[in-house]
Amino acid sequence: MMNMLTRFSLKQKAIAATIVLVLVLLSITLVSLVSFSSTQEKLTKVTSQYQPKMLSAMQLTSHFYHSLSVLGNYLIEKDDYNMNLYREKVNDINSTLTELVNLTNLNPELDDSEQLLRIRQLVDKIITHNLSMLELAQNNNKNMPAIGIASSKLEPIAINMNQIVNDLLLATAINEQQSILPLIEDLRYNWIMLVSEVRNYLAFRQLPTIDEIALFKTGVNQSFEALEKRRYEMDDDQLDLLDEFEANTAAYQAALVQAINIHAGNNWRADRQLMKQNTTPTLKELTKELEVLVTKQQRRIHESNLALSKQISEAENTIRFSIQVALAIALLVIFLSFKNKRLLSDILIHKESERKLFHKAHHDTLTKLANRAFFDDRLFKMFLDQETRSNRRSKRKDNLDENSHFFGLLYIDLDGFKAVNDNVGHDAGDFILIEVAKRMKNVVRNSDIVCRLGGDEFAVLLNDINHINSIEKISENLCKTISQPYHYKEQVLQVSASIGFSYSRHPQLPLHKKVKFRMEAIIKQADTAMYHAKENGKNQYAQFK
């Protein structure tokens, strides 16, 4: 081999080396170009398919929770505003789902079509359940069977018996039977109070009212028995009225027992049963499917980013090697450098776009506050952090009280907001929501999180609380701040807030269960406390007891 090399001149050797070098550099250049092309293709898939699909799935979840919130408001208010808002949310759900299907069709090699079909079926089921709830909302007698019994039986009998007692009282007065008049007066009083307490129980469903019903029911029976003992003093008309009262009493009390048994049971509202048995399980299944879809896209984005980083690194090494090996191909190296810079710029744009999309999916567009999806995620993490700290203290056997630090949850609903929307307009309502968001942000600490859950419902997560008094102070300041007048287009508008709160160490929380059960429990506690604040006069706060 050495003998063969010595036969070639230096010039020939140089030419041969140059040819080999050129071939090597050409090969490296071709590989780099192929790598850049593959990188650009992956980046296009990330920005045009994976990210939009992930965002659409997250938006679909947000639309569903918002639609259920609006539907809940409608079931309470039964107004056109919430109904129109619900229809808009249904349209948003259908358009977002259509967008998901279209994105899936762009890349048929990814196996997402069957999952999209399942999601479509679950969406249709939930919308169908919601339509059933709307039908129930229009028919109180069907939705609340006890109210139907009251309308068809109790109230007609009550009206008839009022007339009977009045006729009996009039006949006794005409006969000047002064000894019987007080007995009839007692009968009328007990009867009126019985009917009143029955209506009260059917309206508010408070258990102590049942005792009052039993008390006045006994009073009616005793008053009637006292009159029965004086039948010998009555004429035929009075006796007929007394017999008619007795017959109607039996019918009324039989219907009353039926109504109370239904109203006191767990199935007293058909819409709640529909929500518990159909809507909630289907929504959980849908949420799980959407979470799987989002996770798929996140994994694909992550894998693409890794591949992009690797290819960029290889391209940079190739370019540097090319520059060091041969200045003769500087133009090609410059071309590759510009190509690489452009790719880096595209990736930076892609990452910034990803950040903006993530922010948009987790924040309310009107108030710029965190939305329900962000709220659910942060509440979950706060419970996990609290559990982790507790486990660490337990392992270290610290003497510190593990209840010394916790977090609080405030549920806030605006009082008078609907009146502003109805009387002044939706622009004024939007102005109120934006101003309320600013005021709330000014009251709470930087470490606390203010969220808009939907409509005029807000929530606040209070970090690192060491005493309930701190939660009460913040709640009091929020009530004072929100109730201050709002100046809108030379008008002075007035709204206030009803606030309910609970905290992560509440003795009634299922602290030994999974985080999702603790989340559901603390949300329910804060929501219940908020409704107590409303019932107690609004513009105040209440703690869940």
Protein backbone atom coordinates (compact mmCIF):
# COMPACT_ATOMS: atom_id res chain seq x y z
CA MET A 1 0.00 0.00 0.00
CA MET A 2 2.84 2.36 0.88
CA ASN A 3 4.54 1.60 -2.43
CA MET A 4 1.34 2.46 -4.31
CA LEU A 5 1.03 5.84 -2.54
CA THR A 6 4.61 6.76 -3.37
CA ARG A 7 3.88 6.44 -7.07
CA PHE A 8 1.50 9.48 -7.02
CA SER A 9 2.80 13.04 -7.07
CA LEU A 10 1.92 15.60 -4.40
CA LYS A 11 -0.40 17.35 -6.81
CA GLN A 12 -2.22 14.10 -7.58
CA LYS A 13 -2.53 13.33 -3.90
CA ALA A 14 -3.91 16.82 -3.27
CA ILE A 15 -6.44 16.45 -6.07
CA ALA A 16 -7.53 13.04 -4.76
CA ALA A 17 -7.84 14.36 -1.22
CA THR A 18 -9.83 17.33 -2.49
CA ILE A 19 -12.18 15.03 -4.42
CA VAL A 20 -12.70 12.83 -1.34
CA LEU A 21 -13.23 15.92 0.79
CA VAL A 22 -15.76 17.35 -1.64
CA LEU A 23 -17.65 14.04 -1.77
CA VAL A 24 -17.72 13.82 2.02
CA LEU A 25 -18.89 17.42 2.35
CA LEU A 26 -21.53 16.91 -0.32
CA SER A 27 -22.79 13.85 1.58
CA ILE A 28 -22.86 15.82 4.83
CA THR A 29 -24.72 18.66 3.08
CA LEU A 30 -27.34 16.31 1.64
CA VAL A 31 -27.89 14.68 5.06
CA SER A 32 -28.28 18.13 6.63
CA LEU A 33 -30.83 19.19 4.03
CA VAL A 34 -32.84 16.01 4.59
CA SER A 35 -32.66 16.59 8.36
CA PHE A 36 -33.90 20.18 7.97
CA SER A 37 -36.79 19.02 5.78
CA SER A 38 -37.81 16.38 8.34
CA THR A 39 -37.54 18.92 11.16
CA GLN A 40 -39.71 21.42 9.30
CA GLU A 41 -42.34 18.72 8.69
CA LYS A 42 -42.47 17.80 12.39
CA LEU A 43 -42.69 21.44 13.41
CA THR A 44 -45.61 21.94 10.99
CA LYS A 45 -47.46 18.99 12.54
CA VAL A 46 -46.93 20.37 16.05
CA THR A 47 -48.21 23.86 15.20
CA SER A 48 -51.01 22.92 12.79
CA GLN A 49 -52.35 19.72 14.37
CA TYR A 50 -51.13 18.68 17.83
CA GLN A 51 -51.40 22.05 19.56
CA PRO A 52 -54.79 23.07 18.04
CA LYS A 53 -56.20 19.62 18.85
CA MET A 54 -54.99 19.84 22.46
CA LEU A 55 -56.44 23.36 22.80
CA SER A 56 -59.77 22.31 21.26
CA ALA A 57 -60.08 19.38 23.69
CA MET A 58 -59.36 21.69 26.64
CA GLN A 59 -61.84 24.27 25.30
CA LEU A 60 -64.49 21.57 24.90
CA THR A 61 -64.08 20.66 28.58
CA SER A 62 -64.33 24.34 29.56
CA HIS A 63 -67.44 24.83 27.38
CA PHE A 64 -69.14 21.85 29.04
CA TYR A 65 -68.52 22.99 32.61
CA HIS A 66 -69.59 26.53 31.68
CA SER A 67 -72.76 25.22 30.02
CA LEU A 68 -73.67 23.24 33.16
CA SER A 69 -73.08 26.34 35.28
CA VAL A 70 -75.35 28.41 33.03
CA LEU A 71 -77.94 25.61 33.04
CA GLY A 72 -77.86 25.59 36.85
CA ASN A 73 -78.44 29.35 36.88
CA TYR A 74 -81.37 28.92 34.50
CA LEU A 75 -82.98 26.24 36.67
CA ILE A 76 -82.93 28.80 39.50
CA GLU A 77 -83.71 32.02 37.61
CA LYS A 78 -85.65 30.63 34.60
CA ASP A 79 -84.76 33.73 32.58
CA ASP A 80 -84.15 34.34 28.87
CA TYR A 81 -80.58 35.57 29.47
CA ASN A 82 -79.32 32.27 30.87
CA MET A 83 -81.29 30.28 28.29
CA ASN A 84 -79.71 32.24 25.41
CA LEU A 85 -76.31 31.85 27.04
CA TYR A 86 -76.85 28.09 27.33
CA ARG A 87 -77.76 27.86 23.63
CA GLU A 88 -74.55 29.75 22.79
CA LYS A 89 -72.54 27.26 24.86
CA VAL A 90 -74.17 24.32 23.02
CA ASN A 91 -73.19 25.93 19.72
CA ASP A 92 -69.63 26.40 21.04
CA ILE A 93 -69.53 22.72 22.02
CA ASN A 94 -70.69 21.57 18.58
CA SER A 95 -68.32 23.88 16.69
CA THR A 96 -65.34 22.86 18.87
CA LEU A 97 -66.15 19.18 18.36
CA THR A 98 -66.40 19.74 14.60
CA GLU A 99 -62.98 21.41 14.71
CA LEU A 100 -61.56 18.37 16.54
CA VAL A 101 -62.92 16.04 13.87
CA ASN A 102 -61.48 18.19 11.07
CA LEU A 103 -58.06 18.25 12.74
CA THR A 104 -58.16 14.47 13.08
CA ASN A 105 -58.99 14.07 9.39
CA LEU A 106 -55.85 16.09 8.52
CA ASN A 107 -53.65 13.33 9.91
CA PRO A 108 -55.42 9.97 9.39
CA GLU A 109 -52.34 7.96 10.37
CA LEU A 110 -52.94 8.99 14.01
CA ASP A 111 -55.55 6.73 15.57
CA ASP A 112 -57.88 9.34 17.14
CA SER A 113 -61.04 8.79 15.07
CA GLU A 114 -62.56 6.10 17.31
CA GLN A 115 -61.99 8.22 20.39
CA LEU A 116 -63.62 11.23 18.68
CA LEU A 117 -66.63 9.02 17.90
CA ARG A 118 -66.93 8.09 21.59
CA ILE A 119 -66.63 11.75 22.57
CA ARG A 120 -69.35 12.68 20.06
CA GLN A 121 -71.69 10.04 21.53
CA LEU A 122 -71.03 11.26 25.10
CA VAL A 123 -71.62 14.88 24.05
CA ASP A 124 -74.97 13.96 22.48
CA LYS A 125 -75.97 12.04 25.64
CA ILE A 126 -75.19 14.98 27.92
CA ILE A 127 -77.04 17.46 25.68
CA THR A 128 -80.04 15.07 25.65
CA HIS A 129 -79.94 14.85 29.49
CA ASN A 130 -79.78 18.65 29.66
CA LEU A 131 -82.86 18.93 27.44
CA SER A 132 -84.68 16.60 29.83
CA MET A 133 -83.68 18.85 32.73
CA LEU A 134 -84.99 21.90 30.87
CA GLU A 135 -88.32 20.11 30.33
CA LEU A 136 -88.48 19.37 34.07
CA ALA A 137 -87.73 23.00 34.84
CA GLN A 138 -90.86 24.01 32.92
CA ASN A 139 -93.07 21.58 34.87
CA ASN A 140 -92.78 21.93 38.66
CA ASN A 141 -95.48 19.34 39.26
CA LYS A 142 -93.52 16.72 37.31
CA ASN A 143 -90.15 17.82 38.67
CA MET A 144 -91.37 17.94 42.29
CA PRO A 145 -94.18 15.37 42.75
CA ALA A 146 -95.11 16.75 46.18
CA ILE A 147 -95.89 20.13 44.58
CA GLY A 148 -98.12 18.31 42.10
CA ILE A 149 -100.01 16.68 44.96
CA ALA A 150 -100.35 20.07 46.61
CA SER A 151 -101.69 21.67 43.44
CA SER A 152 -104.15 18.88 42.55
CA LYS A 153 -105.32 17.79 46.01
CA LEU A 154 -104.17 19.77 49.04
CA GLU A 155 -104.91 23.30 47.83
CA PRO A 156 -108.42 22.59 46.42
CA ILE A 157 -109.37 20.78 49.65
CA ALA A 158 -107.88 23.59 51.76
CA ILE A 159 -109.93 26.24 49.92
CA ASN A 160 -113.10 24.18 50.32
CA MET A 161 -112.48 23.60 54.03
CA ASN A 162 -111.84 27.30 54.64
CA GLN A 163 -115.28 27.98 53.22
CA ILE A 164 -116.81 25.20 55.35
CA VAL A 165 -115.31 26.62 58.57
CA ASN A 166 -116.45 30.15 57.67
CA ASP A 167 -119.98 28.90 56.90
CA LEU A 168 -120.02 26.99 60.19
CA LEU A 169 -118.85 30.08 62.05
CA LEU A 170 -121.52 32.22 60.37
CA ALA A 171 -124.30 29.70 61.13
CA THR A 172 -123.24 29.52 64.78
CA ALA A 173 -123.17 33.32 65.05
CA ILE A 174 -126.66 33.56 63.56
CA ASN A 175 -127.91 30.97 66.08
CA GLU A 176 -126.23 33.01 68.84
CA GLN A 177 -124.52 29.92 70.23
CA GLN A 178 -121.85 31.75 72.21
CA SER A 179 -120.58 28.59 73.90
CA ILE A 180 -119.71 26.96 70.56
CA LEU A 181 -118.17 30.00 68.85
CA PRO A 182 -114.76 29.73 70.66
CA LEU A 183 -114.49 26.09 69.66
CA ILE A 184 -115.04 26.96 65.99
CA GLU A 185 -112.55 29.83 66.30
CA ASP A 186 -109.97 27.34 67.65
CA LEU A 187 -110.76 24.99 64.77
CA ARG A 188 -110.30 27.77 62.21
CA TYR A 189 -107.02 28.93 63.81
CA ASN A 190 -105.55 25.42 63.90
CA TRP A 191 -106.69 24.74 60.35
CA ILE A 192 -105.22 28.00 58.98
CA MET A 193 -101.91 27.33 60.77
CA LEU A 194 -101.81 23.73 59.49
CA VAL A 195 -102.28 24.83 55.87
CA SER A 196 -99.69 27.59 56.33
CA GLU A 197 -97.04 25.22 57.74
CA VAL A 198 -97.74 22.69 54.97
CA ARG A 199 -97.11 25.39 52.37
CA ASN A 200 -94.00 26.47 54.26
CA TYR A 201 -92.59 22.93 54.26
CA LEU A 202 -93.31 22.37 50.57
CA ALA A 203 -91.61 25.69 49.75
CA PHE A 204 -88.50 25.44 51.95
CA ARG A 205 -88.27 21.73 52.91
CA GLN A 206 -87.11 22.40 56.47
CA LEU A 207 -87.36 19.45 58.87
CA PRO A 208 -88.50 21.47 61.94
CA THR A 209 -91.60 22.44 59.96
CA ILE A 210 -92.79 18.81 60.05
CA ASP A 211 -93.08 19.06 63.85
CA GLU A 212 -95.17 22.22 63.45
CA ILE A 213 -97.41 20.42 60.96
CA ALA A 214 -97.91 17.56 63.41
CA LEU A 215 -98.69 20.07 66.20
CA PHE A 216 -101.41 21.91 64.27
CA LYS A 217 -102.73 18.65 62.81
CA THR A 218 -103.29 17.48 66.40
CA GLY A 219 -104.88 20.86 67.17
CA VAL A 220 -107.33 20.45 64.29
CA ASN A 221 -108.30 16.96 65.47
CA GLN A 222 -108.74 18.09 69.08
CA SER A 223 -110.83 21.12 68.06
CA PHE A 224 -113.01 18.92 65.88
CA GLU A 225 -113.48 16.37 68.70
CA ALA A 226 -114.56 19.19 71.03
CA LEU A 227 -117.20 20.27 68.49
CA GLU A 228 -118.35 16.67 68.02
CA LYS A 229 -119.20 16.53 71.72
CA ARG A 230 -121.53 19.54 71.22
CA ARG A 231 -123.46 18.13 68.26
CA TYR A 232 -126.64 17.99 70.27
CA GLU A 233 -126.66 21.81 70.35
CA MET A 234 -126.37 22.22 66.54
CA ASP A 235 -129.01 22.39 63.85
CA ASP A 236 -129.03 20.32 60.64
CA ASP A 237 -127.03 22.85 58.60
CA GLN A 238 -124.29 22.96 61.23
CA LEU A 239 -124.19 19.18 61.43
CA ASP A 240 -123.91 18.87 57.64
CA LEU A 241 -121.03 21.34 57.65
CA LEU A 242 -119.31 19.47 60.47
CA ASP A 243 -119.70 16.14 58.62
CA GLU A 244 -118.37 17.72 55.43
CA PHE A 245 -115.37 19.10 57.34
CA GLU A 246 -114.67 15.64 58.75
CA ALA A 247 -114.74 14.02 55.31
CA ASN A 248 -112.49 16.68 53.80
CA THR A 249 -110.08 16.42 56.75
CA ALA A 250 -109.58 12.72 56.12
CA ALA A 251 -108.91 13.34 52.42
CA TYR A 252 -106.55 16.24 53.17
CA GLN A 253 -104.54 14.34 55.77
CA ALA A 254 -104.19 11.29 53.49
CA ALA A 255 -102.86 13.48 50.66
CA LEU A 256 -100.65 15.33 53.16
CA VAL A 257 -98.97 12.11 54.34
CA GLN A 258 -98.29 11.18 50.72
CA ALA A 259 -96.84 14.64 49.90
CA ILE A 260 -94.60 14.76 52.99
CA ASN A 261 -93.26 11.23 52.41
CA ILE A 262 -92.29 12.16 48.86
CA HIS A 263 -90.93 15.60 49.75
CA ALA A 264 -88.82 14.27 52.63
CA GLY A 265 -87.23 11.49 50.56
CA ASN A 266 -84.12 11.56 48.37
CA ASN A 267 -86.20 11.56 45.17
CA TRP A 268 -88.12 14.75 45.94
CA ARG A 269 -86.68 16.43 42.77
CA ALA A 270 -86.57 14.65 39.44
CA ASP A 271 -83.91 16.97 37.99
CA ARG A 272 -81.46 16.10 40.78
CA GLN A 273 -81.99 12.40 40.15
CA LEU A 274 -81.39 12.97 36.45
CA MET A 275 -78.20 14.88 37.22
CA LYS A 276 -76.96 12.23 39.69
CA GLN A 277 -77.83 9.12 37.69
CA ASN A 278 -77.25 10.27 34.10
CA THR A 279 -75.56 13.64 33.56
CA THR A 280 -72.76 13.43 36.16
CA PRO A 281 -71.54 9.89 35.26
CA THR A 282 -71.61 10.74 31.54
CA LEU A 283 -69.75 14.00 32.16
CA LYS A 284 -67.07 12.16 34.15
CA GLU A 285 -66.67 9.69 31.29
CA LEU A 286 -66.44 12.54 28.78
CA THR A 287 -63.87 14.38 30.92
CA LYS A 288 -61.78 11.22 31.10
CA GLU A 289 -61.88 10.80 27.30
CA LEU A 290 -60.88 14.43 26.78
CA GLU A 291 -58.06 14.09 29.31
CA VAL A 292 -56.75 11.07 27.36
CA LEU A 293 -56.97 13.05 24.12
CA VAL A 294 -55.09 16.01 25.63
CA THR A 295 -52.45 13.69 27.08
CA LYS A 296 -51.93 12.14 23.63
CA GLN A 297 -51.30 15.54 22.08
CA GLN A 298 -48.97 16.58 24.91
CA ARG A 299 -46.98 13.38 24.43
CA ARG A 300 -46.78 13.96 20.67
CA ILE A 301 -45.66 17.56 21.21
CA HIS A 302 -43.05 16.43 23.73
CA GLU A 303 -41.73 13.73 21.39
CA SER A 304 -41.62 16.20 18.50
CA ASN A 305 -39.74 18.74 20.62
CA LEU A 306 -37.15 16.12 21.57
CA ALA A 307 -36.71 15.14 17.95
CA LEU A 308 -36.47 18.78 16.93
CA SER A 309 -33.82 19.49 19.58
CA LYS A 310 -31.79 16.47 18.52
CA GLN A 311 -31.97 17.38 14.85
CA ILE A 312 -31.03 20.98 15.56
CA SER A 313 -28.03 19.85 17.59
CA GLU A 314 -26.90 17.51 14.82
CA ALA A 315 -27.34 20.24 12.23
CA GLU A 316 -25.25 22.69 14.27
CA ASN A 317 -22.46 20.11 14.64
CA THR A 318 -22.53 19.44 10.92
CA ILE A 319 -22.30 23.14 10.11
CA ARG A 320 -19.41 23.69 12.50
CA PHE A 321 -17.58 20.67 11.08
CA SER A 322 -18.12 21.88 7.54
CA ILE A 323 -16.71 25.32 8.35
CA GLN A 324 -13.63 23.80 10.05
CA VAL A 325 -12.99 21.24 7.30
CA ALA A 326 -13.27 23.41 4.22
CA LEU A 327 -13.59 27.14 3.78
CA ALA A 328 -14.10 26.33 0.11
CA ILE A 329 -17.72 25.41 0.81
CA ALA A 330 -18.38 28.51 2.97
CA LEU A 331 -21.39 29.48 0.90
CA LEU A 332 -23.00 26.11 1.61
CA VAL A 333 -22.19 26.42 5.31
CA ILE A 334 -23.69 29.92 5.39
CA PHE A 335 -26.78 28.54 3.71
CA LEU A 336 -27.07 25.84 6.38
CA SER A 337 -26.50 28.43 9.11
CA PHE A 338 -29.29 30.63 7.80
CA LYS A 339 -31.49 27.56 7.54
CA ASN A 340 -30.72 26.68 11.13
CA LYS A 341 -31.42 30.22 12.37
CA ARG A 342 -34.72 30.20 10.59
CA LEU A 343 -35.60 26.89 12.19
CA LEU A 344 -34.67 28.21 15.63
CA SER A 345 -36.84 31.26 14.99
CA ASP A 346 -39.75 29.01 14.00
CA ILE A 347 -39.31 27.00 17.19
CA LEU A 348 -39.25 30.15 19.33
CA ILE A 349 -42.43 31.31 17.60
CA HIS A 350 -43.90 27.85 18.15
CA LYS A 351 -43.05 27.94 21.88
CA GLU A 352 -44.48 31.44 22.28
CA SER A 353 -47.63 30.33 20.45
CA GLU A 354 -47.86 27.32 22.75
CA ARG A 355 -47.54 29.59 25.80
CA LYS A 356 -50.27 31.91 24.51
CA LEU A 357 -52.58 29.00 23.70
CA PHE A 358 -52.06 27.56 27.19
CA HIS A 359 -52.81 30.95 28.79
CA LYS A 360 -55.93 31.36 26.65
CA ALA A 361 -57.22 27.91 27.60
CA HIS A 362 -56.79 28.61 31.34
CA HIS A 363 -58.00 32.24 31.61
CA ASP A 364 -61.29 34.01 31.14
CA THR A 365 -61.27 36.26 28.07
CA LEU A 366 -63.44 38.99 29.64
CA THR A 367 -61.97 39.45 33.13
CA LYS A 368 -58.50 37.96 32.45
CA LEU A 369 -58.94 35.88 35.61
CA ALA A 370 -58.15 32.19 35.84
CA ASN A 371 -61.03 30.02 34.56
CA ARG A 372 -62.63 26.84 35.91
CA ALA A 373 -60.07 24.54 34.24
CA PHE A 374 -57.22 26.44 35.95
CA PHE A 375 -59.20 26.47 39.22
CA ASP A 376 -59.71 22.69 39.19
CA ASP A 377 -56.06 22.07 38.39
CA ARG A 378 -54.74 24.44 41.08
CA LEU A 379 -57.16 23.13 43.76
CA PHE A 380 -55.99 19.58 42.97
CA LYS A 381 -52.33 20.60 43.31
CA MET A 382 -52.98 22.48 46.58
CA PHE A 383 -54.48 19.36 48.14
CA LEU A 384 -51.52 17.31 46.88
CA ASP A 385 -49.03 19.85 48.30
CA GLN A 386 -50.80 19.83 51.64
CA GLU A 387 -50.75 16.02 51.71
CA THR A 388 -47.03 15.97 50.81
CA ARG A 389 -46.12 18.44 53.58
CA SER A 390 -48.16 16.46 56.08
CA ASN A 391 -46.40 13.21 55.09
CA ARG A 392 -42.99 14.86 55.41
CA ARG A 393 -43.77 16.13 58.91
CA SER A 394 -45.02 12.71 59.85
CA LYS A 395 -41.79 11.03 58.64
CA ARG A 396 -39.60 13.59 60.44
CA LYS A 397 -41.82 13.30 63.53
CA ASP A 398 -41.94 17.08 63.85
CA ASN A 399 -43.60 18.56 66.87
CA LEU A 400 -45.18 21.26 64.77
CA ASP A 401 -48.94 21.23 64.58
CA GLU A 402 -49.80 19.88 61.15
CA ASN A 403 -52.90 22.08 61.09
CA SER A 404 -50.85 25.28 61.53
CA HIS A 405 -51.02 26.05 57.81
CA PHE A 406 -53.83 25.29 55.37
CA PHE A 407 -55.64 26.94 52.48
CA GLY A 408 -59.10 28.44 52.14
CA LEU A 409 -61.74 28.37 49.40
CA LEU A 410 -64.22 31.23 48.87
CA TYR A 411 -67.28 30.82 46.61
CA ILE A 412 -68.66 34.19 45.50
CA ASP A 413 -71.92 35.01 43.75
CA LEU A 414 -72.89 38.58 42.81
CA ASP A 415 -76.15 39.98 44.20
CA GLY A 416 -78.08 42.22 41.82
CA PHE A 417 -76.03 41.34 38.74
CA LYS A 418 -79.04 40.00 36.83
CA ALA A 419 -80.91 43.26 37.40
CA VAL A 420 -77.99 45.20 35.87
CA ASN A 421 -77.96 42.89 32.84
CA ASP A 422 -81.74 43.08 32.37
CA ASN A 423 -82.24 46.80 33.05
CA VAL A 424 -79.02 48.44 31.84
CA GLY A 425 -77.68 45.94 29.32
CA HIS A 426 -75.06 43.26 28.79
CA ASP A 427 -72.32 45.85 28.21
CA ALA A 428 -72.99 47.14 31.70
CA GLY A 429 -72.92 43.56 32.99
CA ASP A 430 -69.53 43.01 31.36
CA PHE A 431 -68.30 46.29 32.90
CA ILE A 432 -69.42 45.09 36.35
CA LEU A 433 -67.63 41.72 35.91
CA ILE A 434 -64.38 43.41 34.85
CA GLU A 435 -64.52 45.92 37.72
CA VAL A 436 -65.37 43.23 40.28
CA ALA A 437 -62.38 41.19 39.07
CA LYS A 438 -60.07 44.21 39.55
CA ARG A 439 -61.42 44.92 43.03
CA MET A 440 -61.04 41.33 44.11
CA LYS A 441 -57.43 41.23 42.85
CA ASN A 442 -56.70 44.38 44.89
CA VAL A 443 -58.12 42.86 48.08
CA VAL A 444 -56.44 39.45 48.07
CA ARG A 445 -52.72 38.77 48.43
CA ASN A 446 -50.35 38.18 45.53
CA SER A 447 -50.10 34.52 46.48
CA ASP A 448 -53.89 34.05 46.30
CA ILE A 449 -55.74 33.06 43.13
CA VAL A 450 -58.97 34.69 41.89
CA CYS A 451 -61.01 32.66 39.38
CA ARG A 452 -64.15 33.26 37.36
CA LEU A 453 -66.12 30.01 37.25
CA GLY A 454 -68.80 31.27 34.87
CA GLY A 455 -71.54 33.91 34.68
CA ASP A 456 -71.35 35.97 37.89
CA GLU A 457 -69.76 33.18 39.94
CA PHE A 458 -66.21 33.56 41.25
CA ALA A 459 -63.88 31.61 43.50
CA VAL A 460 -60.78 32.57 45.49
CA LEU A 461 -58.06 30.17 46.62
CA LEU A 462 -56.25 31.53 49.70
CA ASN A 463 -52.74 30.14 50.15
CA ASP A 464 -50.85 29.60 53.41
CA ILE A 465 -53.58 30.44 55.93
CA ASN A 466 -52.80 29.89 59.62
CA HIS A 467 -56.11 30.99 61.17
CA ILE A 468 -59.74 31.14 60.07
CA ASN A 469 -59.84 34.79 61.14
CA SER A 470 -57.65 35.57 58.12
CA ILE A 471 -60.27 34.07 55.79
CA GLU A 472 -63.04 36.01 57.54
CA LYS A 473 -61.09 39.27 57.24
CA ILE A 474 -60.50 38.79 53.52
CA SER A 475 -64.20 37.82 53.02
CA GLU A 476 -65.30 40.92 54.91
CA ASN A 477 -63.01 43.16 52.82
CA LEU A 478 -64.29 41.58 49.62
CA CYS A 479 -67.93 42.24 50.62
CA LYS A 480 -67.12 45.88 51.45
CA THR A 481 -65.11 46.45 48.28
CA ILE A 482 -67.51 44.78 45.85
CA SER A 483 -70.56 46.59 47.31
CA GLN A 484 -69.06 50.04 46.56
CA PRO A 485 -70.93 51.92 43.77
CA TYR A 486 -69.97 51.41 40.11
CA HIS A 487 -69.97 54.44 37.79
CA TYR A 488 -70.99 53.46 34.28
CA LYS A 489 -71.88 56.04 31.58
CA GLU A 490 -73.17 58.65 34.04
CA GLN A 491 -75.08 55.95 35.92
CA VAL A 492 -74.42 54.62 39.37
CA LEU A 493 -74.83 50.84 39.51
CA GLN A 494 -74.99 48.75 42.67
CA VAL A 495 -74.14 45.11 43.18
CA SER A 496 -72.91 43.19 46.19
CA ALA A 497 -71.54 39.74 46.91
CA SER A 498 -72.64 36.70 48.88
CA ILE A 499 -69.58 34.71 49.98
CA GLY A 500 -69.33 31.21 51.40
CA PHE A 501 -66.06 29.68 52.50
CA SER A 502 -64.49 26.53 53.81
CA TYR A 503 -60.90 25.46 54.39
CA SER A 504 -58.68 22.46 53.70
CA ARG A 505 -58.52 21.30 57.32
CA HIS A 506 -62.28 21.43 57.91
CA PRO A 507 -63.28 18.59 60.26
CA GLN A 508 -66.07 17.47 57.91
CA LEU A 509 -63.75 17.03 54.91
CA PRO A 510 -62.91 13.40 53.99
CA LEU A 511 -59.17 13.97 54.60
CA HIS A 512 -58.31 10.27 54.28
CA LYS A 513 -59.99 9.86 50.88
CA LYS A 514 -58.56 10.60 47.43
CA VAL A 515 -57.99 14.19 46.37
CA LYS A 516 -60.93 14.26 43.97
CA PHE A 517 -63.34 13.45 46.82
CA ARG A 518 -61.81 16.20 48.97
CA MET A 519 -62.14 18.63 46.05
CA GLU A 520 -65.82 17.81 45.56
CA ALA A 521 -66.44 18.07 49.32
CA ILE A 522 -64.76 21.47 49.87
CA ILE A 523 -66.47 22.94 46.77
CA LYS A 524 -69.84 21.73 48.02
CA GLN A 525 -69.13 23.16 51.49
CA ALA A 526 -68.21 26.60 50.13
CA ASP A 527 -71.21 26.59 47.77
CA THR A 528 -73.58 25.65 50.61
CA ALA A 529 -72.15 28.38 52.83
CA MET A 530 -72.59 30.89 50.01
CA TYR A 531 -76.29 30.05 49.71
CA HIS A 532 -76.62 30.47 53.49
CA ALA A 533 -75.16 33.96 53.09
CA LYS A 534 -77.77 34.71 50.41
CA GLU A 535 -80.60 33.39 52.57
CA ASN A 536 -79.40 35.52 55.50
CA GLY A 537 -79.76 38.76 53.54
CA LYS A 538 -76.95 38.83 50.95
CA ASN A 539 -73.91 41.18 50.92
CA GLN A 540 -72.25 39.07 53.61
CA TYR A 541 -70.12 36.01 54.10
CA ALA A 542 -70.77 32.69 55.82
CA GLN A 543 -68.52 29.85 56.95
CA PHE A 544 -69.55 26.25 56.38
CA LYS A 545 -70.33 24.80 59.80
